[in-house]
């Protein structure tokens, strides 16, 4: 279980980063 939680945390962090990057790319005005 602990191993799965670690992987899930890493995936979630990567997913958040990718999502934030995508939002910044789609809305350049927000990243002023």
PDB file of N, CA and C in Angstrom:
ATOM      1  N   UNK A   1       0.825  -1.222   0.000  1.00  0.00           N
ATOM      2  CA  UNK A   1       0.000   0.000   0.000  1.00  0.00           C
ATOM      3  C   UNK A   1       0.855   1.268   0.000  1.00  0.00           C
ATOM      4  N   UNK A   2       1.845   1.359   0.884  1.00  0.00           N
ATOM      5  CA  UNK A   2       2.672   2.582   0.924  1.00  0.00           C
ATOM      6  C   UNK A   2       3.294   2.875  -0.436  1.00  0.00           C
ATOM      7  N   UNK A   3       3.723   1.823  -1.128  1.00  0.00           N
ATOM      8  CA  UNK A   3       4.314   2.016  -2.453  1.00  0.00           C
ATOM      9  C   UNK A   3       3.309   2.639  -3.410  1.00  0.00           C
ATOM     10  N   UNK A   4       2.082   2.140  -3.355  1.00  0.00           N
ATOM     11  CA  UNK A   4       1.055   2.677  -4.259  1.00  0.00           C
ATOM     12  C   UNK A   4       0.784   4.141  -3.941  1.00  0.00           C
ATOM     13  N   UNK A   5       0.737   4.469  -2.664  1.00  0.00           N
ATOM     14  CA  UNK A   5       0.474   5.861  -2.268  1.00  0.00           C
ATOM     15  C   UNK A   5       1.591   6.762  -2.798  1.00  0.00           C
ATOM     16  N   UNK A   6       2.830   6.268  -2.724  1.00  0.00           N
ATOM     17  CA  UNK A   6       3.959   7.061  -3.217  1.00  0.00           C
ATOM     18  C   UNK A   6       3.799   7.330  -4.705  1.00  0.00           C
ATOM     19  N   UNK A   7       3.502   6.276  -5.458  1.00  0.00           N
ATOM     20  CA  UNK A   7       3.327   6.430  -6.902  1.00  0.00           C
ATOM     21  C   UNK A   7       2.183   7.396  -7.190  1.00  0.00           C
ATOM     22  N   UNK A   8       1.058   7.212  -6.486  1.00  0.00           N
ATOM     23  CA  UNK A   8      -0.097   8.089  -6.707  1.00  0.00           C
ATOM     24  C   UNK A   8       0.278   9.537  -6.440  1.00  0.00           C
ATOM     25  N   UNK A   9       1.045   9.778  -5.381  1.00  0.00           N
ATOM     26  CA  UNK A   9       1.459  11.143  -5.057  1.00  0.00           C
ATOM     27  C   UNK A   9       2.323  11.718  -6.162  1.00  0.00           C
ATOM     28  N   UNK A  10       3.227  10.902  -6.668  1.00  0.00           N
ATOM     29  CA  UNK A  10       4.106  11.395  -7.738  1.00  0.00           C
ATOM     30  C   UNK A  10       3.302  11.701  -8.987  1.00  0.00           C
ATOM     31  N   UNK A  11       2.395  10.796  -9.332  1.00  0.00           N
ATOM     32  CA  UNK A  11       1.567  11.000 -10.525  1.00  0.00           C
ATOM     33  C   UNK A  11       0.721  12.260 -10.362  1.00  0.00           C
ATOM     34  N   UNK A  12       0.151  12.437  -9.170  1.00  0.00           N
ATOM     35  CA  UNK A  12      -0.699  13.605  -8.926  1.00  0.00           C
ATOM     36  C   UNK A  12       0.121  14.879  -9.079  1.00  0.00           C
ATOM     37  N   UNK A  13       1.335  14.889  -8.532  1.00  0.00           N
ATOM     38  CA  UNK A  13       2.188  16.077  -8.632  1.00  0.00           C
ATOM     39  C   UNK A  13       2.513  16.379 -10.084  1.00  0.00           C
ATOM     40  N   UNK A  14       2.849  15.330 -10.842  1.00  0.00           N
ATOM     41  CA  UNK A  14       3.175  15.529 -12.255  1.00  0.00           C
ATOM     42  C   UNK A  14       1.952  16.028 -13.008  1.00  0.00           C
ATOM     43  N   UNK A  15       0.780  15.437 -12.689  1.00  0.00           N
ATOM     44  CA  UNK A  15      -0.448  15.825 -13.375  1.00  0.00           C
ATOM     45  C   UNK A  15      -0.772  17.287 -13.089  1.00  0.00           C
ATOM     46  N   UNK A  16      -0.602  17.700 -11.826  1.00  0.00           N
ATOM     47  CA  UNK A  16      -0.879  19.093 -11.465  1.00  0.00           C
ATOM     48  C   UNK A  16       0.044  20.022 -12.234  1.00  0.00           C
ATOM     49  N   UNK A  17       1.337  19.676 -12.295  1.00  0.00           N
ATOM     50  CA  UNK A  17       2.303  20.517 -13.004  1.00  0.00           C
ATOM     51  C   UNK A  17       1.909  20.630 -14.473  1.00  0.00           C
ATOM     52  N   UNK A  18       1.575  19.507 -15.085  1.00  0.00           N
ATOM     53  CA  UNK A  18       1.196  19.511 -16.496  1.00  0.00           C
ATOM     54  C   UNK A  18      -0.064  20.341 -16.711  1.00  0.00           C
ATOM     55  N   UNK A  19      -1.025  20.219 -15.808  1.00  0.00           N
ATOM     56  CA  UNK A  19      -2.272  20.980 -15.933  1.00  0.00           C
ATOM     57  C   UNK A  19      -2.002  22.471 -15.802  1.00  0.00           C
ATOM     58  N   UNK A  20      -1.207  22.841 -14.809  1.00  0.00           N
ATOM     59  CA  UNK A  20      -0.902  24.261 -14.602  1.00  0.00           C
ATOM     60  C   UNK A  20      -0.163  24.810 -15.816  1.00  0.00           C
ATOM     61  N   UNK A  21       0.773  24.032 -16.350  1.00  0.00           N
ATOM     62  CA  UNK A  21       1.522  24.474 -17.529  1.00  0.00           C
ATOM     63  C   UNK A  21       0.571  24.664 -18.705  1.00  0.00           C
ATOM     64  N   UNK A  22      -0.366  23.725 -18.868  1.00  0.00           N
ATOM     65  CA  UNK A  22      -1.328  23.816 -19.963  1.00  0.00           C
ATOM     66  C   UNK A  22      -2.197  25.049 -19.816  1.00  0.00           C
ATOM     67  N   UNK A  23      -2.639  25.340 -18.597  1.00  0.00           N
ATOM     68  CA  UNK A  23      -3.477  26.520 -18.356  1.00  0.00           C
ATOM     69  C   UNK A  23      -2.685  27.783 -18.684  1.00  0.00           C
ATOM     70  N   UNK A  24      -1.433  27.824 -18.278  1.00  0.00           N
ATOM     71  CA  UNK A  24      -0.610  29.010 -18.547  1.00  0.00           C
ATOM     72  C   UNK A  24      -0.428  29.199 -20.041  1.00  0.00           C
ATOM     73  N   UNK A  25      -0.268  28.092 -20.757  1.00  0.00           N
ATOM     74  CA  UNK A  25      -0.092  28.185 -22.211  1.00  0.00           C
ATOM     75  C   UNK A  25      -1.381  28.662 -22.874  1.00  0.00           C
ATOM     76  N   UNK A  26      -2.514  28.169 -22.371  1.00  0.00           N
ATOM     77  CA  UNK A  26      -3.797  28.535 -22.976  1.00  0.00           C
ATOM     78  C   UNK A  26      -4.169  29.970 -22.631  1.00  0.00           C
ATOM     79  N   UNK A  27      -3.794  30.415 -21.413  1.00  0.00           N
ATOM     80  CA  UNK A  27      -4.152  31.774 -20.993  1.00  0.00           C
ATOM     81  C   UNK A  27      -2.894  32.541 -20.595  1.00  0.00           C
ATOM     82  N   UNK A  28      -2.164  33.077 -21.576  1.00  0.00           N
ATOM     83  CA  UNK A  28      -0.932  33.826 -21.292  1.00  0.00           C
ATOM     84  C   UNK A  28      -1.196  35.036 -20.403  1.00  0.00           C
ATOM     85  N   UNK A  29      -2.386  35.597 -20.472  1.00  0.00           N
ATOM     86  CA  UNK A  29      -2.701  36.798 -19.683  1.00  0.00           C
ATOM     87  C   UNK A  29      -2.615  36.492 -18.189  1.00  0.00           C
ATOM     88  N   UNK A  30      -2.975  35.276 -17.793  1.00  0.00           N
ATOM     89  CA  UNK A  30      -2.984  34.915 -16.375  1.00  0.00           C
ATOM     90  C   UNK A  30      -1.563  34.850 -15.820  1.00  0.00           C
ATOM     91  N   UNK A  31      -0.585  34.582 -16.673  1.00  0.00           N
ATOM     92  CA  UNK A  31       0.797  34.432 -16.192  1.00  0.00           C
ATOM     93  C   UNK A  31       1.559  35.743 -16.317  1.00  0.00           C
ATOM     94  N   UNK A  32       0.879  36.859 -16.149  1.00  0.00           N
ATOM     95  CA  UNK A  32       1.542  38.162 -16.281  1.00  0.00           C
ATOM     96  C   UNK A  32       2.470  38.397 -15.102  1.00  0.00           C
TER      97      UNK A  32
END
